[in-house]
Amino acid sequence: MTRVDQSKNKSLYSDTLNMLSELIVSGLRNYFPGLNIFLESLCEARYGYSLKDLITRDIGEFCRLLDNHFSSRETTFRILRLILKPVLRGSEGEEALDELLRGNPDPLLRHVDEILKKKEREIT
């Protein structure tokens, strides 16, 4: 994905990215507190900003960071599937997560954005 494509995603899905980053960081704190501390420290040292900011700025880089740490895409998939379970909703969500791990965040962002909009309509 080019930098131009990433910029488009940021502007189209900024609220969705913020929500996802909060959900991921919260999930890491709850399910994997040691991993959360490690990733926070690594992000500060390597990128100069927090884990939440890394996810918001470049969710693909966050996935690569997990892949490199675990040396296993399957482990990364399972961790993210557990953390993102509230917004994945079925096979379509898992396929979108798989696309994210292949470097294409668009399907996941669209999927989560649709769920958020649906919940918003239910509330109003």
Protein backbone atom coordinates (compact mmCIF):
# COMPACT_ATOMS: atom_id res chain seq x y z
CA MET A 1 0.00 0.00 0.00
CA THR A 2 1.39 3.39 -0.95
CA ARG A 3 1.73 6.36 1.37
CA VAL A 4 -1.05 8.10 -0.59
CA ASP A 5 -3.36 5.13 0.04
CA GLN A 6 -2.46 5.18 3.74
CA SER A 7 -3.27 8.89 3.91
CA LYS A 8 -6.68 8.28 2.32
CA ASN A 9 -7.39 5.53 4.86
CA LYS A 10 -6.41 7.81 7.72
CA SER A 11 -8.81 10.53 6.68
CA LEU A 12 -11.68 8.18 5.73
CA TYR A 13 -11.42 6.00 8.81
CA SER A 14 -9.80 8.21 11.46
CA ASP A 15 -12.57 7.56 14.02
CA THR A 16 -12.46 3.85 13.24
CA LEU A 17 -8.67 3.75 13.60
CA ASN A 18 -8.89 5.57 16.93
CA MET A 19 -11.50 3.13 18.19
CA LEU A 20 -9.48 0.14 16.96
CA SER A 21 -6.29 1.40 18.57
CA GLU A 22 -8.10 1.88 21.89
CA LEU A 23 -9.66 -1.58 21.62
CA ILE A 24 -6.32 -3.22 20.80
CA VAL A 25 -4.40 -1.48 23.58
CA SER A 26 -7.18 -2.21 26.08
CA GLY A 27 -7.26 -5.86 24.98
CA LEU A 28 -3.51 -6.18 25.30
CA ARG A 29 -3.66 -4.71 28.81
CA ASN A 30 -6.43 -7.12 29.83
CA TYR A 31 -5.33 -10.35 28.13
CA PHE A 32 -1.57 -9.89 27.73
CA PRO A 33 -0.29 -7.30 30.23
CA GLY A 34 3.35 -8.34 29.87
CA LEU A 35 3.18 -8.12 26.08
CA ASN A 36 1.52 -4.71 26.37
CA ILE A 37 4.36 -3.38 28.53
CA PHE A 38 6.94 -4.83 26.14
CA LEU A 39 5.24 -3.36 23.05
CA GLU A 40 4.80 0.05 24.69
CA SER A 41 8.52 0.15 25.52
CA LEU A 42 9.49 -1.07 22.06
CA CYS A 43 7.30 1.54 20.34
CA GLU A 44 8.74 4.35 22.44
CA ALA A 45 12.30 3.21 21.70
CA ARG A 46 11.88 2.35 18.03
CA TYR A 47 9.32 4.91 16.83
CA GLY A 48 9.31 7.60 19.49
CA TYR A 49 5.61 7.35 20.25
CA SER A 50 3.11 5.15 22.09
CA LEU A 51 1.66 1.84 20.96
CA LYS A 52 -1.75 3.47 20.49
CA ASP A 53 -0.17 6.11 18.25
CA LEU A 54 1.62 3.45 16.20
CA ILE A 55 -1.65 1.61 15.60
CA THR A 56 -3.41 4.83 14.64
CA ARG A 57 -0.59 5.98 12.37
CA ASP A 58 0.20 2.64 10.73
CA ILE A 59 -1.78 -0.40 11.78
CA GLY A 60 0.17 -2.48 9.25
CA GLU A 61 3.45 -1.66 11.02
CA PHE A 62 1.86 -2.74 14.29
CA CYS A 63 1.00 -6.12 12.70
CA ARG A 64 4.55 -6.47 11.36
CA LEU A 65 5.84 -5.73 14.86
CA LEU A 66 3.72 -8.57 16.28
CA ASP A 67 4.71 -10.92 13.44
CA ASN A 68 8.39 -10.21 14.06
CA HIS A 69 8.04 -10.68 17.81
CA PHE A 70 6.23 -14.02 17.53
CA SER A 71 7.75 -15.16 14.23
CA SER A 72 4.28 -16.46 13.45
CA ARG A 73 1.42 -14.92 11.53
CA GLU A 74 -0.91 -17.53 13.05
CA THR A 75 -0.06 -16.34 16.58
CA THR A 76 -0.57 -12.72 15.55
CA PHE A 77 -3.92 -13.67 13.99
CA ARG A 78 -5.08 -15.47 17.13
CA ILE A 79 -4.08 -12.63 19.44
CA LEU A 80 -5.80 -10.00 17.30
CA ARG A 81 -8.87 -12.21 16.82
CA LEU A 82 -9.24 -12.53 20.59
CA ILE A 83 -8.75 -8.80 21.18
CA LEU A 84 -10.98 -7.68 18.29
CA LYS A 85 -13.71 -10.26 18.88
CA PRO A 86 -16.33 -7.58 19.76
CA VAL A 87 -16.00 -6.04 16.28
CA LEU A 88 -15.10 -8.97 14.02
CA ARG A 89 -18.55 -10.60 13.82
CA GLY A 90 -18.26 -13.84 11.90
CA SER A 91 -16.27 -15.05 8.94
CA GLU A 92 -16.35 -11.69 7.16
CA GLY A 93 -14.56 -10.10 10.11
CA GLU A 94 -11.97 -12.88 10.24
CA GLU A 95 -11.35 -12.52 6.50
CA ALA A 96 -10.88 -8.78 7.01
CA LEU A 97 -8.40 -9.49 9.82
CA ASP A 98 -6.54 -11.90 7.54
CA GLU A 99 -6.35 -9.16 4.88
CA LEU A 100 -4.91 -6.78 7.48
CA LEU A 101 -2.15 -9.27 8.21
CA ARG A 102 -1.42 -9.47 4.49
CA GLY A 103 -0.89 -5.71 4.47
CA ASN A 104 -4.32 -4.50 3.40
CA PRO A 105 -6.16 -2.73 6.25
CA ASP A 106 -9.07 -1.51 4.09
CA PRO A 107 -11.41 -4.51 4.55
CA LEU A 108 -11.02 -4.44 8.34
CA LEU A 109 -11.50 -0.68 8.51
CA ARG A 110 -14.62 -0.91 6.33
CA HIS A 111 -15.97 -3.84 8.35
CA VAL A 112 -15.48 -2.12 11.71
CA ASP A 113 -16.76 1.19 10.34
CA GLU A 114 -19.99 -0.52 9.19
CA ILE A 115 -20.45 -2.10 12.62
CA LEU A 116 -19.92 1.24 14.34
CA LYS A 117 -22.41 2.97 12.05
CA LYS A 118 -24.95 0.21 12.61
CA LYS A 119 -24.58 0.53 16.40
CA GLU A 120 -24.91 4.29 16.10
CA ARG A 121 -28.19 3.90 14.17
CA GLU A 122 -29.51 1.46 16.79
CA ILE A 123 -28.81 3.97 19.56
CA THR A 124 -30.53 6.90 17.84
